[in-house]
Amino acid sequence: MPPSEHHTGCEWIVEAYGCDPVRLADPAALRALFDAIVIELSLHPVGEPVWHQFPAPGGLTGLLMLAESHLTVHTFPEHASACLNLFCCTPRAPWAWEARLAALLGAHRVAVRELAREYARGPVRAATLKEAVR
């Protein structure tokens, strides 16, 4: 790999506010959200999502492992908000977070932080275990 070449992924940290509390506590609504993200961004799940539903008035936490990395969500119906994280190990076009979360969760305000996640620069060799523990 030439010295100037580097590899980056994209990570989106997303907060959605003013969401419909009923949808934030509905497993079917959150599965539909994950399905939309996966399909519209051409992601590749490596298994089924894992969900945990908290007792009312709490929401849900979901995790989907992807060939690209992961997608997570944590909802707070009692605060009408949701927090999402999507990490992809290869760059991809941004998703229309504001419009899609408005449609899927009823969000009125969405804050999106997009990070370039650099995980290699220049020639890289794997460290030996002995080097790694120093």
N, C-alpha and C. Protein backbone atom coordinates (compact mmCIF):
# COMPACT_ATOMS: atom_id res chain seq x y z
N MET A 1 0.85 -1.16 0.00
CA MET A 1 0.00 0.00 0.00
C MET A 1 0.90 1.23 0.00
N PRO A 2 0.68 2.18 -0.90
CA PRO A 2 1.50 3.40 -0.93
C PRO A 2 1.39 4.16 0.38
N PRO A 3 2.45 4.87 0.81
CA PRO A 3 2.44 5.57 2.09
C PRO A 3 1.29 6.58 2.22
N SER A 4 0.82 7.17 1.11
CA SER A 4 -0.22 8.18 1.21
C SER A 4 -1.62 7.56 1.31
N GLU A 5 -1.74 6.26 1.05
CA GLU A 5 -3.04 5.61 1.09
C GLU A 5 -3.40 5.29 2.54
N HIS A 6 -4.63 5.53 2.90
CA HIS A 6 -5.10 5.14 4.22
C HIS A 6 -6.52 4.63 4.12
N HIS A 7 -6.96 3.98 5.16
CA HIS A 7 -8.29 3.38 5.17
C HIS A 7 -9.12 4.03 6.26
N THR A 8 -10.32 4.41 5.88
CA THR A 8 -11.22 4.99 6.86
C THR A 8 -12.59 4.38 6.73
N GLY A 9 -13.28 4.38 7.82
CA GLY A 9 -14.69 4.02 7.85
C GLY A 9 -15.48 5.26 8.22
N CYS A 10 -16.78 5.10 8.26
CA CYS A 10 -17.67 6.20 8.66
C CYS A 10 -18.45 5.76 9.89
N GLU A 11 -18.60 6.68 10.81
CA GLU A 11 -19.43 6.41 11.98
C GLU A 11 -20.40 7.56 12.14
N TRP A 12 -21.65 7.21 12.34
CA TRP A 12 -22.69 8.21 12.59
C TRP A 12 -23.19 8.03 14.01
N ILE A 13 -23.18 9.11 14.76
CA ILE A 13 -23.75 9.16 16.10
C ILE A 13 -24.94 10.09 16.00
N VAL A 14 -26.12 9.56 16.30
CA VAL A 14 -27.36 10.27 15.98
C VAL A 14 -28.26 10.33 17.21
N GLU A 15 -28.77 11.53 17.49
CA GLU A 15 -29.78 11.71 18.52
C GLU A 15 -31.04 12.23 17.84
N ALA A 16 -32.16 11.60 18.15
CA ALA A 16 -33.46 12.01 17.59
C ALA A 16 -34.35 12.44 18.74
N TYR A 17 -34.93 13.63 18.62
CA TYR A 17 -35.75 14.23 19.69
C TYR A 17 -37.17 14.46 19.20
N GLY A 18 -38.10 14.51 20.14
CA GLY A 18 -39.50 14.76 19.79
C GLY A 18 -40.13 13.59 19.06
N CYS A 19 -39.63 12.39 19.33
CA CYS A 19 -40.14 11.18 18.67
C CYS A 19 -41.47 10.75 19.28
N ASP A 20 -42.19 9.92 18.57
CA ASP A 20 -43.43 9.33 19.05
C ASP A 20 -43.09 8.28 20.11
N PRO A 21 -43.48 8.51 21.37
CA PRO A 21 -43.13 7.56 22.43
C PRO A 21 -43.67 6.15 22.20
N VAL A 22 -44.82 6.03 21.54
CA VAL A 22 -45.38 4.71 21.27
C VAL A 22 -44.45 3.93 20.33
N ARG A 23 -43.95 4.58 19.29
CA ARG A 23 -43.04 3.90 18.36
C ARG A 23 -41.71 3.55 19.03
N LEU A 24 -41.26 4.41 19.94
CA LEU A 24 -39.98 4.15 20.62
C LEU A 24 -40.05 2.93 21.53
N ALA A 25 -41.24 2.52 21.94
CA ALA A 25 -41.41 1.35 22.79
C ALA A 25 -41.92 0.14 22.02
N ASP A 26 -42.06 0.26 20.71
CA ASP A 26 -42.64 -0.78 19.88
C ASP A 26 -41.56 -1.57 19.14
N PRO A 27 -41.36 -2.84 19.49
CA PRO A 27 -40.32 -3.63 18.81
C PRO A 27 -40.50 -3.68 17.29
N ALA A 28 -41.73 -3.73 16.82
CA ALA A 28 -41.96 -3.79 15.36
C ALA A 28 -41.49 -2.49 14.69
N ALA A 29 -41.71 -1.36 15.33
CA ALA A 29 -41.28 -0.07 14.76
C ALA A 29 -39.76 0.00 14.70
N LEU A 30 -39.08 -0.52 15.72
CA LEU A 30 -37.62 -0.48 15.71
C LEU A 30 -37.03 -1.49 14.74
N ARG A 31 -37.69 -2.63 14.58
CA ARG A 31 -37.24 -3.58 13.55
C ARG A 31 -37.38 -2.95 12.17
N ALA A 32 -38.48 -2.21 11.94
CA ALA A 32 -38.67 -1.53 10.66
C ALA A 32 -37.59 -0.47 10.44
N LEU A 33 -37.19 0.21 11.50
CA LEU A 33 -36.10 1.19 11.41
C LEU A 33 -34.81 0.50 10.98
N PHE A 34 -34.44 -0.58 11.66
CA PHE A 34 -33.23 -1.31 11.30
C PHE A 34 -33.31 -1.81 9.86
N ASP A 35 -34.47 -2.37 9.47
CA ASP A 35 -34.64 -2.87 8.10
C ASP A 35 -34.42 -1.75 7.09
N ALA A 36 -34.97 -0.57 7.34
CA ALA A 36 -34.82 0.55 6.41
C ALA A 36 -33.36 0.96 6.28
N ILE A 37 -32.65 1.06 7.40
CA ILE A 37 -31.24 1.44 7.36
C ILE A 37 -30.43 0.41 6.58
N VAL A 38 -30.66 -0.87 6.87
CA VAL A 38 -29.91 -1.94 6.21
C VAL A 38 -30.16 -1.93 4.71
N ILE A 39 -31.42 -1.85 4.32
CA ILE A 39 -31.77 -1.91 2.90
C ILE A 39 -31.28 -0.66 2.17
N GLU A 40 -31.55 0.51 2.72
CA GLU A 40 -31.24 1.76 2.03
C GLU A 40 -29.74 2.06 1.96
N LEU A 41 -28.96 1.50 2.88
CA LEU A 41 -27.51 1.70 2.84
C LEU A 41 -26.76 0.47 2.32
N SER A 42 -27.52 -0.53 1.86
CA SER A 42 -26.93 -1.77 1.32
C SER A 42 -25.95 -2.41 2.30
N LEU A 43 -26.40 -2.54 3.55
CA LEU A 43 -25.57 -3.15 4.59
C LEU A 43 -25.79 -4.66 4.59
N HIS A 44 -24.90 -5.37 5.28
CA HIS A 44 -24.92 -6.84 5.26
C HIS A 44 -24.92 -7.39 6.69
N PRO A 45 -26.10 -7.67 7.25
CA PRO A 45 -26.16 -8.26 8.60
C PRO A 45 -25.49 -9.63 8.62
N VAL A 46 -24.86 -9.95 9.74
CA VAL A 46 -24.23 -11.25 9.90
C VAL A 46 -25.02 -12.14 10.86
N GLY A 47 -26.16 -11.70 11.25
CA GLY A 47 -27.04 -12.45 12.13
C GLY A 47 -28.30 -11.65 12.37
N GLU A 48 -29.11 -12.13 13.28
CA GLU A 48 -30.35 -11.44 13.64
C GLU A 48 -30.04 -10.35 14.67
N PRO A 49 -30.83 -9.27 14.67
CA PRO A 49 -30.62 -8.25 15.70
C PRO A 49 -30.95 -8.82 17.09
N VAL A 50 -30.29 -8.26 18.08
CA VAL A 50 -30.56 -8.61 19.47
C VAL A 50 -31.28 -7.42 20.09
N TRP A 51 -32.39 -7.69 20.79
CA TRP A 51 -33.21 -6.63 21.38
C TRP A 51 -33.38 -6.87 22.87
N HIS A 52 -33.43 -5.79 23.61
CA HIS A 52 -33.80 -5.85 25.02
C HIS A 52 -34.86 -4.78 25.26
N GLN A 53 -36.01 -5.20 25.79
CA GLN A 53 -37.06 -4.24 26.09
C GLN A 53 -37.09 -4.00 27.59
N PHE A 54 -37.00 -2.72 27.97
CA PHE A 54 -37.03 -2.34 29.37
C PHE A 54 -38.47 -2.23 29.84
N PRO A 55 -38.72 -2.39 31.13
CA PRO A 55 -40.08 -2.21 31.65
C PRO A 55 -40.55 -0.78 31.39
N ALA A 56 -41.86 -0.63 31.20
CA ALA A 56 -42.44 0.71 30.98
C ALA A 56 -42.07 1.61 32.15
N PRO A 57 -41.74 2.85 31.89
CA PRO A 57 -41.87 3.57 30.63
C PRO A 57 -40.64 3.48 29.75
N GLY A 58 -39.73 2.57 30.05
CA GLY A 58 -38.49 2.46 29.28
C GLY A 58 -38.70 1.99 27.87
N GLY A 59 -37.65 2.05 27.09
CA GLY A 59 -37.73 1.70 25.69
C GLY A 59 -37.01 0.41 25.37
N LEU A 60 -36.30 0.44 24.27
CA LEU A 60 -35.60 -0.73 23.77
C LEU A 60 -34.15 -0.39 23.47
N THR A 61 -33.31 -1.41 23.58
CA THR A 61 -31.94 -1.34 23.09
C THR A 61 -31.82 -2.42 22.03
N GLY A 62 -31.21 -2.06 20.90
CA GLY A 62 -31.03 -3.03 19.83
C GLY A 62 -29.62 -2.98 19.29
N LEU A 63 -29.12 -4.14 18.89
CA LEU A 63 -27.79 -4.28 18.31
C LEU A 63 -27.87 -5.20 17.11
N LEU A 64 -27.32 -4.76 16.00
CA LEU A 64 -27.23 -5.58 14.80
C LEU A 64 -25.77 -5.60 14.36
N MET A 65 -25.17 -6.77 14.37
CA MET A 65 -23.80 -6.89 13.87
C MET A 65 -23.86 -6.93 12.35
N LEU A 66 -22.95 -6.20 11.73
CA LEU A 66 -22.90 -6.10 10.27
C LEU A 66 -21.54 -6.55 9.77
N ALA A 67 -21.49 -7.02 8.53
CA ALA A 67 -20.20 -7.29 7.91
C ALA A 67 -19.38 -6.00 7.91
N GLU A 68 -20.06 -4.85 7.83
CA GLU A 68 -19.40 -3.55 7.84
C GLU A 68 -19.03 -3.08 9.24
N SER A 69 -19.65 -3.58 10.28
CA SER A 69 -19.38 -3.33 11.69
C SER A 69 -20.64 -3.48 12.51
N HIS A 70 -21.34 -2.36 12.87
CA HIS A 70 -22.51 -2.51 13.73
C HIS A 70 -23.50 -1.36 13.60
N LEU A 71 -24.73 -1.64 14.04
CA LEU A 71 -25.81 -0.66 14.15
C LEU A 71 -26.43 -0.86 15.52
N THR A 72 -26.57 0.23 16.27
CA THR A 72 -27.21 0.15 17.59
C THR A 72 -28.25 1.24 17.75
N VAL A 73 -29.19 0.99 18.65
CA VAL A 73 -30.19 2.00 19.01
C VAL A 73 -30.54 1.83 20.48
N HIS A 74 -30.82 2.93 21.13
CA HIS A 74 -31.37 2.92 22.48
C HIS A 74 -32.46 3.97 22.50
N THR A 75 -33.67 3.57 22.91
CA THR A 75 -34.79 4.52 22.89
C THR A 75 -35.22 4.89 24.31
N PHE A 76 -35.73 6.09 24.42
CA PHE A 76 -36.19 6.65 25.69
C PHE A 76 -37.61 7.21 25.48
N PRO A 77 -38.65 6.36 25.49
CA PRO A 77 -40.01 6.87 25.28
C PRO A 77 -40.39 7.94 26.30
N GLU A 78 -39.89 7.79 27.53
CA GLU A 78 -40.22 8.76 28.58
C GLU A 78 -39.64 10.14 28.29
N HIS A 79 -38.68 10.22 27.37
CA HIS A 79 -38.09 11.50 26.97
C HIS A 79 -38.33 11.79 25.48
N ALA A 80 -39.07 10.91 24.80
CA ALA A 80 -39.37 11.05 23.37
C ALA A 80 -38.09 11.17 22.54
N SER A 81 -37.07 10.37 22.90
CA SER A 81 -35.80 10.45 22.18
C SER A 81 -35.21 9.07 21.90
N ALA A 82 -34.31 9.05 20.93
CA ALA A 82 -33.60 7.84 20.57
C ALA A 82 -32.16 8.19 20.23
N CYS A 83 -31.24 7.29 20.55
CA CYS A 83 -29.83 7.45 20.22
C CYS A 83 -29.42 6.27 19.35
N LEU A 84 -28.78 6.58 18.22
CA LEU A 84 -28.34 5.55 17.29
C LEU A 84 -26.85 5.68 17.02
N ASN A 85 -26.25 4.56 16.66
CA ASN A 85 -24.85 4.54 16.26
C ASN A 85 -24.70 3.56 15.11
N LEU A 86 -24.12 4.01 14.01
CA LEU A 86 -23.83 3.15 12.88
C LEU A 86 -22.37 3.33 12.52
N PHE A 87 -21.63 2.23 12.52
CA PHE A 87 -20.23 2.25 12.11
C PHE A 87 -20.08 1.34 10.91
N CYS A 88 -19.49 1.88 9.86
CA CYS A 88 -19.19 1.12 8.64
C CYS A 88 -17.70 1.22 8.39
N CYS A 89 -17.06 0.09 8.15
CA CYS A 89 -15.61 0.08 7.97
C CYS A 89 -15.17 0.60 6.61
N THR A 90 -16.11 0.87 5.74
CA THR A 90 -15.80 1.47 4.44
C THR A 90 -16.67 2.71 4.27
N PRO A 91 -16.14 3.74 3.63
CA PRO A 91 -16.95 4.95 3.44
C PRO A 91 -18.20 4.65 2.63
N ARG A 92 -19.26 5.35 2.95
CA ARG A 92 -20.49 5.23 2.17
C ARG A 92 -21.23 6.54 2.25
N ALA A 93 -22.15 6.69 1.35
CA ALA A 93 -22.95 7.92 1.31
C ALA A 93 -23.76 8.04 2.59
N PRO A 94 -23.93 9.27 3.07
CA PRO A 94 -24.74 9.45 4.28
C PRO A 94 -26.20 9.06 4.02
N TRP A 95 -26.85 8.65 5.06
CA TRP A 95 -28.28 8.34 5.02
C TRP A 95 -29.03 9.62 5.33
N ALA A 96 -30.25 9.75 4.88
CA ALA A 96 -31.08 10.93 5.15
C ALA A 96 -31.68 10.80 6.56
N TRP A 97 -30.80 10.91 7.56
CA TRP A 97 -31.21 10.67 8.95
C TRP A 97 -32.41 11.50 9.36
N GLU A 98 -32.39 12.79 9.08
CA GLU A 98 -33.47 13.67 9.53
C GLU A 98 -34.80 13.25 8.94
N ALA A 99 -34.86 13.11 7.63
CA ALA A 99 -36.11 12.76 6.95
C ALA A 99 -36.58 11.36 7.32
N ARG A 100 -35.66 10.41 7.36
CA ARG A 100 -36.06 9.02 7.63
C ARG A 100 -36.48 8.82 9.08
N LEU A 101 -35.80 9.48 10.03
CA LEU A 101 -36.22 9.34 11.43
C LEU A 101 -37.52 10.08 11.70
N ALA A 102 -37.77 11.14 10.97
CA ALA A 102 -39.08 11.81 11.07
C ALA A 102 -40.17 10.86 10.60
N ALA A 103 -39.94 10.19 9.48
CA ALA A 103 -40.94 9.27 8.92
C ALA A 103 -41.11 8.01 9.78
N LEU A 104 -40.00 7.46 10.27
CA LEU A 104 -40.06 6.17 10.95
C LEU A 104 -40.32 6.26 12.46
N LEU A 105 -39.87 7.35 13.09
CA LEU A 105 -40.04 7.49 14.54
C LEU A 105 -40.82 8.74 14.93
N GLY A 106 -41.16 9.58 13.96
CA GLY A 106 -41.86 10.83 14.27
C GLY A 106 -40.96 11.90 14.84
N ALA A 107 -39.64 11.79 14.62
CA ALA A 107 -38.68 12.75 15.19
C ALA A 107 -38.93 14.15 14.66
N HIS A 108 -38.86 15.14 15.57
CA HIS A 108 -38.99 16.54 15.18
C HIS A 108 -37.64 17.24 15.02
N ARG A 109 -36.62 16.69 15.71
CA ARG A 109 -35.27 17.27 15.60
C ARG A 109 -34.27 16.13 15.66
N VAL A 110 -33.29 16.18 14.77
CA VAL A 110 -32.29 15.13 14.69
C VAL A 110 -30.91 15.77 14.65
N ALA A 111 -30.02 15.32 15.53
CA ALA A 111 -28.64 15.79 15.55
C ALA A 111 -27.76 14.64 15.07
N VAL A 112 -26.95 14.91 14.03
CA VAL A 112 -26.11 13.88 13.42
C VAL A 112 -24.66 14.32 13.48
N ARG A 113 -23.81 13.46 14.04
CA ARG A 113 -22.37 13.66 13.98
C ARG A 113 -21.79 12.55 13.11
N GLU A 114 -21.06 12.94 12.09
CA GLU A 114 -20.42 11.97 11.21
C GLU A 114 -18.92 12.03 11.43
N LEU A 115 -18.34 10.88 11.72
CA LEU A 115 -16.91 10.80 11.99
C LEU A 115 -16.22 9.93 10.95
N ALA A 116 -15.07 10.37 10.47
CA ALA A 116 -14.21 9.51 9.67
C ALA A 116 -13.39 8.70 10.66
N ARG A 117 -13.50 7.39 10.59
CA ARG A 117 -12.77 6.53 11.52
C ARG A 117 -11.60 5.91 10.78
N GLU A 118 -10.42 6.49 11.00
CA GLU A 118 -9.21 6.00 10.34
C GLU A 118 -8.67 4.83 11.14
N TYR A 119 -8.50 3.70 10.48
CA TYR A 119 -8.00 2.53 11.19
C TYR A 119 -6.70 1.99 10.63
N ALA A 120 -6.17 2.59 9.58
CA ALA A 120 -4.84 2.20 9.09
C ALA A 120 -4.28 3.31 8.24
N ARG A 121 -3.01 3.54 8.37
CA ARG A 121 -2.33 4.54 7.54
C ARG A 121 -0.96 3.98 7.20
N GLY A 122 -0.65 3.99 5.93
CA GLY A 122 0.66 3.51 5.50
C GLY A 122 0.84 2.03 5.73
N PRO A 123 2.04 1.53 5.50
CA PRO A 123 2.30 0.10 5.70
C PRO A 123 2.12 -0.26 7.18
N VAL A 124 1.38 -1.29 7.40
CA VAL A 124 1.09 -1.73 8.76
C VAL A 124 1.45 -3.20 8.88
N ARG A 125 2.07 -3.57 9.99
CA ARG A 125 2.31 -4.98 10.25
C ARG A 125 1.67 -5.31 11.59
N ALA A 126 1.25 -6.50 11.73
CA ALA A 126 0.63 -6.93 12.98
C ALA A 126 1.70 -7.03 14.05
N ALA A 127 1.41 -6.53 15.24
CA ALA A 127 2.34 -6.65 16.36
C ALA A 127 2.29 -8.07 16.90
N THR A 128 3.40 -8.53 17.40
CA THR A 128 3.40 -9.83 18.06
C THR A 128 2.74 -9.63 19.42
N LEU A 129 2.32 -10.72 20.02
CA LEU A 129 1.70 -10.63 21.33
C LEU A 129 2.66 -10.01 22.32
N LYS A 130 3.92 -10.36 22.26
CA LYS A 130 4.92 -9.83 23.17
C LYS A 130 5.02 -8.29 23.03
N GLU A 131 5.00 -7.78 21.79
CA GLU A 131 5.06 -6.34 21.55
C GLU A 131 3.79 -5.65 22.03
N ALA A 132 2.65 -6.32 21.85
CA ALA A 132 1.37 -5.71 22.18
C ALA A 132 1.19 -5.52 23.69
N VAL A 133 1.80 -6.38 24.50
CA VAL A 133 1.61 -6.27 25.95
C VAL A 133 2.63 -5.39 26.63
N ARG A 134 3.55 -4.83 25.91
CA ARG A 134 4.56 -3.94 26.50
C ARG A 134 3.95 -2.63 26.90
